[in-house]
Amino acid sequence: MIDAAIEAGVKHFYPSEFGNDIDQPEFVNARYYVDKMLTRKHLRTKAKDYPDFSYTMVHIGLFAESFALGDEFGVDRAAKTFTWFGNPEMEASFSSMAE
């Protein structure tokens, strides 16, 4: 899609960046994000190769409703606890889907 956009003369590209900023060290080597990381690398390379082409990555953060899904997100309803994975100094933002 990136190459097709450049060929079509697109000057500014907004890739699909739904979710977290995966450039954080905690995510860089996660298998789940490998394809997204490859896409970002390709995008950065093309932006260097084509000076008239630029891009913006918009990271919306997490939806609070996601935590209703269960323990895969660190929620233990029975114990009424939430476990945060990764760097305890890392900031995170949440918003509701209604917002």
PDB file of N, CA and C in Angstrom:
ATOM      1  N   MET A   1       0.819  -1.170   0.000  1.00  0.00           N
ATOM      2  CA  MET A   1       0.000   0.000   0.000  1.00  0.00           C
ATOM      3  C   MET A   1       0.881   1.258   0.000  1.00  0.00           C
ATOM      4  N   ILE A   2       1.969   1.213   0.740  1.00  0.00           N
ATOM      5  CA  ILE A   2       2.877   2.364   0.810  1.00  0.00           C
ATOM      6  C   ILE A   2       3.458   2.655  -0.567  1.00  0.00           C
ATOM      7  N   ASP A   3       3.940   1.612  -1.232  1.00  0.00           N
ATOM      8  CA  ASP A   3       4.522   1.794  -2.566  1.00  0.00           C
ATOM      9  C   ASP A   3       3.479   2.303  -3.559  1.00  0.00           C
ATOM     10  N   ALA A   4       2.266   1.765  -3.482  1.00  0.00           N
ATOM     11  CA  ALA A   4       1.197   2.211  -4.382  1.00  0.00           C
ATOM     12  C   ALA A   4       0.847   3.670  -4.120  1.00  0.00           C
ATOM     13  N   ALA A   5       0.852   4.069  -2.860  1.00  0.00           N
ATOM     14  CA  ALA A   5       0.563   5.467  -2.517  1.00  0.00           C
ATOM     15  C   ALA A   5       1.612   6.393  -3.116  1.00  0.00           C
ATOM     16  N   ILE A   6       2.874   6.012  -3.007  1.00  0.00           N
ATOM     17  CA  ILE A   6       3.955   6.836  -3.569  1.00  0.00           C
ATOM     18  C   ILE A   6       3.815   6.924  -5.082  1.00  0.00           C
ATOM     19  N   GLU A   7       3.565   5.784  -5.728  1.00  0.00           N
ATOM     20  CA  GLU A   7       3.398   5.767  -7.185  1.00  0.00           C
ATOM     21  C   GLU A   7       2.216   6.623  -7.627  1.00  0.00           C
ATOM     22  N   ALA A   8       1.187   6.708  -6.800  1.00  0.00           N
ATOM     23  CA  ALA A   8      -0.002   7.499  -7.130  1.00  0.00           C
ATOM     24  C   ALA A   8       0.180   8.980  -6.822  1.00  0.00           C
ATOM     25  N   GLY A   9       1.326   9.335  -6.241  1.00  0.00           N
ATOM     26  CA  GLY A   9       1.594  10.737  -5.959  1.00  0.00           C
ATOM     27  C   GLY A   9       1.117  11.223  -4.599  1.00  0.00           C
ATOM     28  N   VAL A  10       0.773  10.302  -3.713  1.00  0.00           N
ATOM     29  CA  VAL A  10       0.347  10.687  -2.363  1.00  0.00           C
ATOM     30  C   VAL A  10       1.511  11.381  -1.662  1.00  0.00           C
ATOM     31  N   LYS A  11       1.238  12.526  -1.069  1.00  0.00           N
ATOM     32  CA  LYS A  11       2.287  13.312  -0.402  1.00  0.00           C
ATOM     33  C   LYS A  11       2.396  13.003   1.089  1.00  0.00           C
ATOM     34  N   HIS A  12       1.265  12.626   1.710  1.00  0.00           N
ATOM     35  CA  HIS A  12       1.277  12.353   3.145  1.00  0.00           C
ATOM     36  C   HIS A  12       0.444  11.109   3.419  1.00  0.00           C
ATOM     37  N   PHE A  13       0.982  10.218   4.229  1.00  0.00           N
ATOM     38  CA  PHE A  13       0.382   8.904   4.469  1.00  0.00           C
ATOM     39  C   PHE A  13       0.117   8.712   5.959  1.00  0.00           C
ATOM     40  N   TYR A  14      -1.052   8.176   6.295  1.00  0.00           N
ATOM     41  CA  TYR A  14      -1.416   7.851   7.680  1.00  0.00           C
ATOM     42  C   TYR A  14      -1.578   6.332   7.776  1.00  0.00           C
ATOM     43  N   PRO A  15      -0.566   5.619   8.266  1.00  0.00           N
ATOM     44  CA  PRO A  15      -0.698   4.165   8.368  1.00  0.00           C
ATOM     45  C   PRO A  15      -1.688   3.773   9.462  1.00  0.00           C
ATOM     46  N   SER A  16      -2.175   2.566   9.391  1.00  0.00           N
ATOM     47  CA  SER A  16      -3.067   2.046  10.427  1.00  0.00           C
ATOM     48  C   SER A  16      -2.257   1.820  11.698  1.00  0.00           C
ATOM     49  N   GLU A  17      -2.465   2.646  12.686  1.00  0.00           N
ATOM     50  CA  GLU A  17      -1.711   2.567  13.943  1.00  0.00           C
ATOM     51  C   GLU A  17      -2.634   2.416  15.130  1.00  0.00           C
ATOM     52  N   PHE A  18      -3.694   1.675  14.953  1.00  0.00           N
ATOM     53  CA  PHE A  18      -4.655   1.460  16.032  1.00  0.00           C
ATOM     54  C   PHE A  18      -3.948   0.800  17.214  1.00  0.00           C
ATOM     55  N   GLY A  19      -4.023   1.394  18.378  1.00  0.00           N
ATOM     56  CA  GLY A  19      -3.449   0.780  19.570  1.00  0.00           C
ATOM     57  C   GLY A  19      -2.234   1.502  20.106  1.00  0.00           C
ATOM     58  N   ASN A  20      -1.337   0.736  20.669  1.00  0.00           N
ATOM     59  CA  ASN A  20      -0.169   1.275  21.367  1.00  0.00           C
ATOM     60  C   ASN A  20       0.933   1.739  20.433  1.00  0.00           C
ATOM     61  N   ASP A  21       1.816   2.560  20.977  1.00  0.00           N
ATOM     62  CA  ASP A  21       3.037   2.947  20.275  1.00  0.00           C
ATOM     63  C   ASP A  21       4.024   1.803  20.431  1.00  0.00           C
ATOM     64  N   ILE A  22       4.159   0.985  19.399  1.00  0.00           N
ATOM     65  CA  ILE A  22       5.000  -0.206  19.502  1.00  0.00           C
ATOM     66  C   ILE A  22       6.483   0.080  19.332  1.00  0.00           C
ATOM     67  N   ASP A  23       6.868   1.343  19.240  1.00  0.00           N
ATOM     68  CA  ASP A  23       8.289   1.673  19.244  1.00  0.00           C
ATOM     69  C   ASP A  23       8.862   1.626  20.660  1.00  0.00           C
ATOM     70  N   GLN A  24       8.003   1.455  21.653  1.00  0.00           N
ATOM     71  CA  GLN A  24       8.472   1.327  23.030  1.00  0.00           C
ATOM     72  C   GLN A  24       9.295   0.041  23.141  1.00  0.00           C
ATOM     73  N   PRO A  25      10.384   0.057  23.910  1.00  0.00           N
ATOM     74  CA  PRO A  25      11.267  -1.118  24.008  1.00  0.00           C
ATOM     75  C   PRO A  25      10.547  -2.413  24.384  1.00  0.00           C
ATOM     76  N   GLU A  26       9.488  -2.319  25.153  1.00  0.00           N
ATOM     77  CA  GLU A  26       8.771  -3.514  25.586  1.00  0.00           C
ATOM     78  C   GLU A  26       8.107  -4.258  24.432  1.00  0.00           C
ATOM     79  N   PHE A  27       7.829  -3.564  23.337  1.00  0.00           N
ATOM     80  CA  PHE A  27       7.108  -4.162  22.220  1.00  0.00           C
ATOM     81  C   PHE A  27       7.992  -4.546  21.033  1.00  0.00           C
ATOM     82  N   VAL A  28       9.192  -4.020  20.968  1.00  0.00           N
ATOM     83  CA  VAL A  28      10.028  -4.142  19.768  1.00  0.00           C
ATOM     84  C   VAL A  28      10.238  -5.585  19.330  1.00  0.00           C
ATOM     85  N   ASN A  29      10.446  -6.498  20.253  1.00  0.00           N
ATOM     86  CA  ASN A  29      10.724  -7.888  19.882  1.00  0.00           C
ATOM     87  C   ASN A  29       9.526  -8.819  20.040  1.00  0.00           C
ATOM     88  N   ALA A  30       8.364  -8.274  20.289  1.00  0.00           N
ATOM     89  CA  ALA A  30       7.174  -9.109  20.468  1.00  0.00           C
ATOM     90  C   ALA A  30       6.710  -9.664  19.122  1.00  0.00           C
ATOM     91  N   ARG A  31       6.524 -10.970  19.031  1.00  0.00           N
ATOM     92  CA  ARG A  31       6.120 -11.625  17.784  1.00  0.00           C
ATOM     93  C   ARG A  31       4.824 -11.030  17.220  1.00  0.00           C
ATOM     94  N   TYR A  32       3.925 -10.661  18.090  1.00  0.00           N
ATOM     95  CA  TYR A  32       2.635 -10.121  17.671  1.00  0.00           C
ATOM     96  C   TYR A  32       2.791  -8.894  16.776  1.00  0.00           C
ATOM     97  N   TYR A  33       3.876  -8.129  16.968  1.00  0.00           N
ATOM     98  CA  TYR A  33       4.057  -6.868  16.251  1.00  0.00           C
ATOM     99  C   TYR A  33       5.085  -6.922  15.119  1.00  0.00           C
ATOM    100  N   VAL A  34       5.614  -8.097  14.797  1.00  0.00           N
ATOM    101  CA  VAL A  34       6.679  -8.197  13.792  1.00  0.00           C
ATOM    102  C   VAL A  34       6.260  -7.582  12.458  1.00  0.00           C
ATOM    103  N   ASP A  35       5.101  -7.938  11.949  1.00  0.00           N
ATOM    104  CA  ASP A  35       4.667  -7.412  10.646  1.00  0.00           C
ATOM    105  C   ASP A  35       4.484  -5.901  10.686  1.00  0.00           C
ATOM    106  N   LYS A  36       3.947  -5.404  11.789  1.00  0.00           N
ATOM    107  CA  LYS A  36       3.764  -3.958  11.926  1.00  0.00           C
ATOM    108  C   LYS A  36       5.120  -3.253  11.969  1.00  0.00           C
ATOM    109  N   MET A  37       6.102  -3.864  12.639  1.00  0.00           N
ATOM    110  CA  MET A  37       7.446  -3.275  12.699  1.00  0.00           C
ATOM    111  C   MET A  37       8.085  -3.247  11.302  1.00  0.00           C
ATOM    112  N   LEU A  38       7.889  -4.304  10.534  1.00  0.00           N
ATOM    113  CA  LEU A  38       8.417  -4.338   9.165  1.00  0.00           C
ATOM    114  C   LEU A  38       7.763  -3.261   8.302  1.00  0.00           C
ATOM    115  N   THR A  39       6.477  -3.064   8.488  1.00  0.00           N
ATOM    116  CA  THR A  39       5.768  -2.019   7.750  1.00  0.00           C
ATOM    117  C   THR A  39       6.315  -0.646   8.111  1.00  0.00           C
ATOM    118  N   ARG A  40       6.537  -0.404   9.389  1.00  0.00           N
ATOM    119  CA  ARG A  40       7.092   0.889   9.821  1.00  0.00           C
ATOM    120  C   ARG A  40       8.487   1.111   9.239  1.00  0.00           C
ATOM    121  N   LYS A  41       9.296   0.063   9.234  1.00  0.00           N
ATOM    122  CA  LYS A  41      10.651   0.179   8.674  1.00  0.00           C
ATOM    123  C   LYS A  41      10.573   0.542   7.192  1.00  0.00           C
ATOM    124  N   HIS A  42       9.685  -0.115   6.463  1.00  0.00           N
ATOM    125  CA  HIS A  42       9.514   0.170   5.037  1.00  0.00           C
ATOM    126  C   HIS A  42       9.041   1.612   4.831  1.00  0.00           C
ATOM    127  N   LEU A  43       8.118   2.049   5.662  1.00  0.00           N
ATOM    128  CA  LEU A  43       7.602   3.415   5.576  1.00  0.00           C
ATOM    129  C   LEU A  43       8.716   4.436   5.813  1.00  0.00           C
ATOM    130  N   ARG A  44       9.534   4.214   6.821  1.00  0.00           N
ATOM    131  CA  ARG A  44      10.639   5.137   7.118  1.00  0.00           C
ATOM    132  C   ARG A  44      11.661   5.173   5.979  1.00  0.00           C
ATOM    133  N   THR A  45      11.938   4.011   5.414  1.00  0.00           N
ATOM    134  CA  THR A  45      12.878   3.943   4.288  1.00  0.00           C
ATOM    135  C   THR A  45      12.341   4.716   3.091  1.00  0.00           C
ATOM    136  N   LYS A  46      11.082   4.521   2.763  1.00  0.00           N
ATOM    137  CA  LYS A  46      10.484   5.217   1.620  1.00  0.00           C
ATOM    138  C   LYS A  46      10.445   6.726   1.840  1.00  0.00           C
ATOM    139  N   ALA A  47      10.190   7.140   3.070  1.00  0.00           N
ATOM    140  CA  ALA A  47      10.164   8.577   3.362  1.00  0.00           C
ATOM    141  C   ALA A  47      11.550   9.192   3.177  1.00  0.00           C
ATOM    142  N   LYS A  48      12.590   8.433   3.454  1.00  0.00           N
ATOM    143  CA  LYS A  48      13.960   8.926   3.217  1.00  0.00           C
ATOM    144  C   LYS A  48      14.274   8.955   1.725  1.00  0.00           C
ATOM    145  N   ASP A  49      13.804   7.930   1.009  1.00  0.00           N
ATOM    146  CA  ASP A  49      14.071   7.824  -0.430  1.00  0.00           C
ATOM    147  C   ASP A  49      13.286   8.836  -1.263  1.00  0.00           C
ATOM    148  N   TYR A  50      12.125   9.248  -0.761  1.00  0.00           N
ATOM    149  CA  TYR A  50      11.251  10.177  -1.479  1.00  0.00           C
ATOM    150  C   TYR A  50      10.987  11.395  -0.597  1.00  0.00           C
ATOM    151  N   PRO A  51      11.797  12.444  -0.724  1.00  0.00           N
ATOM    152  CA  PRO A  51      11.684  13.618   0.159  1.00  0.00           C
ATOM    153  C   PRO A  51      10.323  14.313   0.137  1.00  0.00           C
ATOM    154  N   ASP A  52       9.557  14.168  -0.941  1.00  0.00           N
ATOM    155  CA  ASP A  52       8.232  14.791  -1.007  1.00  0.00           C
ATOM    156  C   ASP A  52       7.156  13.954  -0.315  1.00  0.00           C
ATOM    157  N   PHE A  53       7.536  12.786   0.164  1.00  0.00           N
ATOM    158  CA  PHE A  53       6.602  11.873   0.823  1.00  0.00           C
ATOM    159  C   PHE A  53       6.843  11.902   2.329  1.00  0.00           C
ATOM    160  N   SER A  54       5.771  12.077   3.095  1.00  0.00           N
ATOM    161  CA  SER A  54       5.896  12.074   4.558  1.00  0.00           C
ATOM    162  C   SER A  54       4.751  11.263   5.159  1.00  0.00           C
ATOM    163  N   TYR A  55       4.806  11.073   6.454  1.00  0.00           N
ATOM    164  CA  TYR A  55       3.784  10.268   7.114  1.00  0.00           C
ATOM    165  C   TYR A  55       3.575  10.734   8.550  1.00  0.00           C
ATOM    166  N   THR A  56       2.444  10.361   9.100  1.00  0.00           N
ATOM    167  CA  THR A  56       2.121  10.633  10.497  1.00  0.00           C
ATOM    168  C   THR A  56       1.542   9.368  11.104  1.00  0.00           C
ATOM    169  N   MET A  57       2.056   8.995  12.272  1.00  0.00           N
ATOM    170  CA  MET A  57       1.512   7.854  13.014  1.00  0.00           C
ATOM    171  C   MET A  57       0.701   8.395  14.181  1.00  0.00           C
ATOM    172  N   VAL A  58      -0.563   8.031  14.248  1.00  0.00           N
ATOM    173  CA  VAL A  58      -1.447   8.476  15.321  1.00  0.00           C
ATOM    174  C   VAL A  58      -1.718   7.279  16.234  1.00  0.00           C
ATOM    175  N   HIS A  59      -1.358   7.417  17.498  1.00  0.00           N
ATOM    176  CA  HIS A  59      -1.567   6.339  18.474  1.00  0.00           C
ATOM    177  C   HIS A  59      -2.685   6.753  19.416  1.00  0.00           C
ATOM    178  N   ILE A  60      -3.758   6.013  19.403  1.00  0.00           N
ATOM    179  CA  ILE A  60      -4.918   6.396  20.200  1.00  0.00           C
ATOM    180  C   ILE A  60      -4.857   5.916  21.637  1.00  0.00           C
ATOM    181  N   GLY A  61      -3.967   5.028  21.955  1.00  0.00           N
ATOM    182  CA  GLY A  61      -3.930   4.464  23.300  1.00  0.00           C
ATOM    183  C   GLY A  61      -4.894   3.297  23.419  1.00  0.00           C
ATOM    184  N   LEU A  62      -5.212   2.945  24.630  1.00  0.00           N
ATOM    185  CA  LEU A  62      -6.037   1.772  24.897  1.00  0.00           C
ATOM    186  C   LEU A  62      -7.481   2.155  25.186  1.00  0.00           C
ATOM    187  N   PHE A  63      -8.403   1.310  24.781  1.00  0.00           N
ATOM    188  CA  PHE A  63      -9.797   1.492  25.149  1.00  0.00           C
ATOM    189  C   PHE A  63     -10.023   0.851  26.510  1.00  0.00           C
ATOM    190  N   ALA A  64     -10.617   1.580  27.416  1.00  0.00           N
ATOM    191  CA  ALA A  64     -10.886   1.063  28.756  1.00  0.00           C
ATOM    192  C   ALA A  64     -11.738  -0.205  28.692  1.00  0.00           C
ATOM    193  N   GLU A  65     -12.631  -0.284  27.719  1.00  0.00           N
ATOM    194  CA  GLU A  65     -13.501  -1.454  27.593  1.00  0.00           C
ATOM    195  C   GLU A  65     -12.723  -2.740  27.310  1.00  0.00           C
ATOM    196  N   SER A  66     -11.523  -2.620  26.755  1.00  0.00           N
ATOM    197  CA  SER A  66     -10.716  -3.801  26.449  1.00  0.00           C
ATOM    198  C   SER A  66     -10.437  -4.628  27.689  1.00  0.00           C
ATOM    199  N   PHE A  67     -10.353  -3.974  28.817  1.00  0.00           N
ATOM    200  CA  PHE A  67     -10.003  -4.688  30.038  1.00  0.00           C
ATOM    201  C   PHE A  67     -11.139  -5.556  30.549  1.00  0.00           C
ATOM    202  N   ALA A  68     -12.298  -5.412  29.989  1.00  0.00           N
ATOM    203  CA  ALA A  68     -13.415  -6.280  30.357  1.00  0.00           C
ATOM    204  C   ALA A  68     -13.253  -7.664  29.737  1.00  0.00           C
ATOM    205  N   LEU A  69     -12.297  -7.805  28.820  1.00  0.00           N
ATOM    206  CA  LEU A  69     -12.132  -9.062  28.104  1.00  0.00           C
ATOM    207  C   LEU A  69     -11.539 -10.175  28.952  1.00  0.00           C
ATOM    208  N   GLY A  70     -10.733  -9.846  29.944  1.00  0.00           N
ATOM    209  CA  GLY A  70     -10.236 -10.911  30.806  1.00  0.00           C
ATOM    210  C   GLY A  70      -8.762 -10.862  31.112  1.00  0.00           C
ATOM    211  N   ASP A  71      -8.262 -12.016  31.549  1.00  0.00           N
ATOM    212  CA  ASP A  71      -6.911 -12.090  32.088  1.00  0.00           C
ATOM    213  C   ASP A  71      -5.808 -11.843  31.062  1.00  0.00           C
ATOM    214  N   GLU A  72      -6.101 -11.982  29.769  1.00  0.00           N
ATOM    215  CA  GLU A  72      -5.060 -11.706  28.767  1.00  0.00           C
ATOM    216  C   GLU A  72      -4.630 -10.242  28.790  1.00  0.00           C
ATOM    217  N   PHE A  73      -5.430  -9.401  29.420  1.00  0.00           N
ATOM    218  CA  PHE A  73      -5.086  -7.990  29.561  1.00  0.00           C
ATOM    219  C   PHE A  73      -4.655  -7.650  30.981  1.00  0.00           C
ATOM    220  N   GLY A  74      -4.411  -8.668  31.805  1.00  0.00           N
ATOM    221  CA  GLY A  74      -3.947  -8.430  33.164  1.00  0.00           C
ATOM    222  C   GLY A  74      -5.049  -8.255  34.188  1.00  0.00           C
ATOM    223  N   VAL A  75      -6.309  -8.488  33.795  1.00  0.00           N
ATOM    224  CA  VAL A  75      -7.434  -8.303  34.709  1.00  0.00           C
ATOM    225  C   VAL A  75      -7.786  -9.636  35.374  1.00  0.00           C
ATOM    226  N   ASP A  76      -7.826  -9.623  36.683  1.00  0.00           N
ATOM    227  CA  ASP A  76      -8.285 -10.783  37.452  1.00  0.00           C
ATOM    228  C   ASP A  76      -9.522 -10.328  38.219  1.00  0.00           C
ATOM    229  N   ARG A  77     -10.684 -10.620  37.664  1.00  0.00           N
ATOM    230  CA  ARG A  77     -11.929 -10.143  38.274  1.00  0.00           C
ATOM    231  C   ARG A  77     -12.163 -10.742  39.659  1.00  0.00           C
ATOM    232  N   ALA A  78     -11.832 -12.021  39.819  1.00  0.00           N
ATOM    233  CA  ALA A  78     -12.069 -12.680  41.107  1.00  0.00           C
ATOM    234  C   ALA A  78     -11.262 -12.020  42.225  1.00  0.00           C
ATOM    235  N   ALA A  79     -10.003 -11.695  41.923  1.00  0.00           N
ATOM    236  CA  ALA A  79      -9.137 -11.063  42.927  1.00  0.00           C
ATOM    237  C   ALA A  79      -9.274  -9.543  42.930  1.00  0.00           C
ATOM    238  N   LYS A  80     -10.011  -9.026  41.944  1.00  0.00           N
ATOM    239  CA  LYS A  80     -10.178  -7.576  41.784  1.00  0.00           C
ATOM    240  C   LYS A  80      -8.826  -6.868  41.687  1.00  0.00           C
ATOM    241  N   THR A  81      -7.968  -7.423  40.810  1.00  0.00           N
ATOM    242  CA  THR A  81      -6.640  -6.833  40.598  1.00  0.00           C
ATOM    243  C   THR A  81      -6.396  -6.615  39.113  1.00  0.00           C
ATOM    244  N   PHE A  82      -5.442  -5.755  38.842  1.00  0.00           N
ATOM    245  CA  PHE A  82      -4.988  -5.482  37.485  1.00  0.00           C
ATOM    246  C   PHE A  82      -3.470  -5.532  37.497  1.00  0.00           C
ATOM    247  N   THR A  83      -2.883  -6.330  36.625  1.00  0.00           N
ATOM    248  CA  THR A  83      -1.429  -6.445  36.537  1.00  0.00           C
ATOM    249  C   THR A  83      -0.957  -5.708  35.300  1.00  0.00           C
ATOM    250  N   TRP A  84      -0.059  -4.757  35.497  1.00  0.00           N
ATOM    251  CA  TRP A  84       0.510  -3.992  34.385  1.00  0.00           C
ATOM    252  C   TRP A  84       1.788  -4.677  33.955  1.00  0.00           C
ATOM    253  N   PHE A  85       1.897  -5.039  32.690  1.00  0.00           N
ATOM    254  CA  PHE A  85       3.081  -5.707  32.168  1.00  0.00           C
ATOM    255  C   PHE A  85       4.023  -4.688  31.554  1.00  0.00           C
ATOM    256  N   GLY A  86       5.313  -4.904  31.697  1.00  0.00           N
ATOM    257  CA  GLY A  86       6.295  -4.012  31.085  1.00  0.00           C
ATOM    258  C   GLY A  86       6.928  -3.082  32.090  1.00  0.00           C
ATOM    259  N   ASN A  87       7.475  -2.025  31.602  1.00  0.00           N
ATOM    260  CA  ASN A  87       8.195  -1.043  32.402  1.00  0.00           C
ATOM    261  C   ASN A  87       7.218  -0.280  33.301  1.00  0.00           C
ATOM    262  N   PRO A  88       7.428  -0.305  34.620  1.00  0.00           N
ATOM    263  CA  PRO A  88       6.504   0.405  35.509  1.00  0.00           C
ATOM    264  C   PRO A  88       6.566   1.922  35.357  1.00  0.00           C
ATOM    265  N   GLU A  89       7.592   2.437  34.704  1.00  0.00           N
ATOM    266  CA  GLU A  89       7.720   3.879  34.482  1.00  0.00           C
ATOM    267  C   GLU A  89       6.999   4.338  33.212  1.00  0.00           C
ATOM    268  N   MET A  90       6.590   3.383  32.373  1.00  0.00           N
ATOM    269  CA  MET A  90       5.949   3.728  31.105  1.00  0.00           C
ATOM    270  C   MET A  90       4.547   4.281  31.357  1.00  0.00           C
ATOM    271  N   GLU A  91       4.242   5.398  30.739  1.00  0.00           N
ATOM    272  CA  GLU A  91       2.916   5.987  30.863  1.00  0.00           C
ATOM    273  C   GLU A  91       1.976   5.379  29.834  1.00  0.00           C
ATOM    274  N   ALA A  92       0.718   5.319  30.178  1.00  0.00           N
ATOM    275  CA  ALA A  92      -0.297   4.816  29.254  1.00  0.00           C
ATOM    276  C   ALA A  92      -1.547   5.664  29.396  1.00  0.00           C
ATOM    277  N   SER A  93      -2.243   5.838  28.297  1.00  0.00           N
ATOM    278  CA  SER A  93      -3.503   6.582  28.346  1.00  0.00           C
ATOM    279  C   SER A  93      -4.643   5.642  27.987  1.00  0.00           C
ATOM    280  N   PHE A  94      -5.803   5.937  28.503  1.00  0.00           N
ATOM    281  CA  PHE A  94      -6.996   5.148  28.234  1.00  0.00           C
ATOM    282  C   PHE A  94      -8.117   6.091  27.824  1.00  0.00           C
ATOM    283  N   SER A  95      -8.966   5.628  26.964  1.00  0.00           N
ATOM    284  CA  SER A  95     -10.177   6.371  26.627  1.00  0.00           C
ATOM    285  C   SER A  95     -11.281   5.351  26.399  1.00  0.00           C
ATOM    286  N   SER A  96     -12.500   5.812  26.439  1.00  0.00           N
ATOM    287  CA  SER A  96     -13.605   4.887  26.196  1.00  0.00           C
ATOM    288  C   SER A  96     -13.950   4.906  24.710  1.00  0.00           C
ATOM    289  N   MET A  97     -14.565   3.852  24.257  1.00  0.00           N
ATOM    290  CA  MET A  97     -14.948   3.777  22.851  1.00  0.00           C
ATOM    291  C   MET A  97     -15.961   4.861  22.507  1.00  0.00           C
ATOM    292  N   ALA A  98     -16.746   5.276  23.473  1.00  0.00           N
ATOM    293  CA  ALA A  98     -17.741   6.325  23.239  1.00  0.00           C
ATOM    294  C   ALA A  98     -17.091   7.677  22.975  1.00  0.00           C
ATOM    295  N   GLU A  99     -15.884   7.870  23.507  1.00  0.00           N
ATOM    296  CA  GLU A  99     -15.195   9.143  23.293  1.00  0.00           C
ATOM    297  C   GLU A  99     -14.675   9.173  21.894  1.00  0.00           C
TER     298      GLU A  99
END
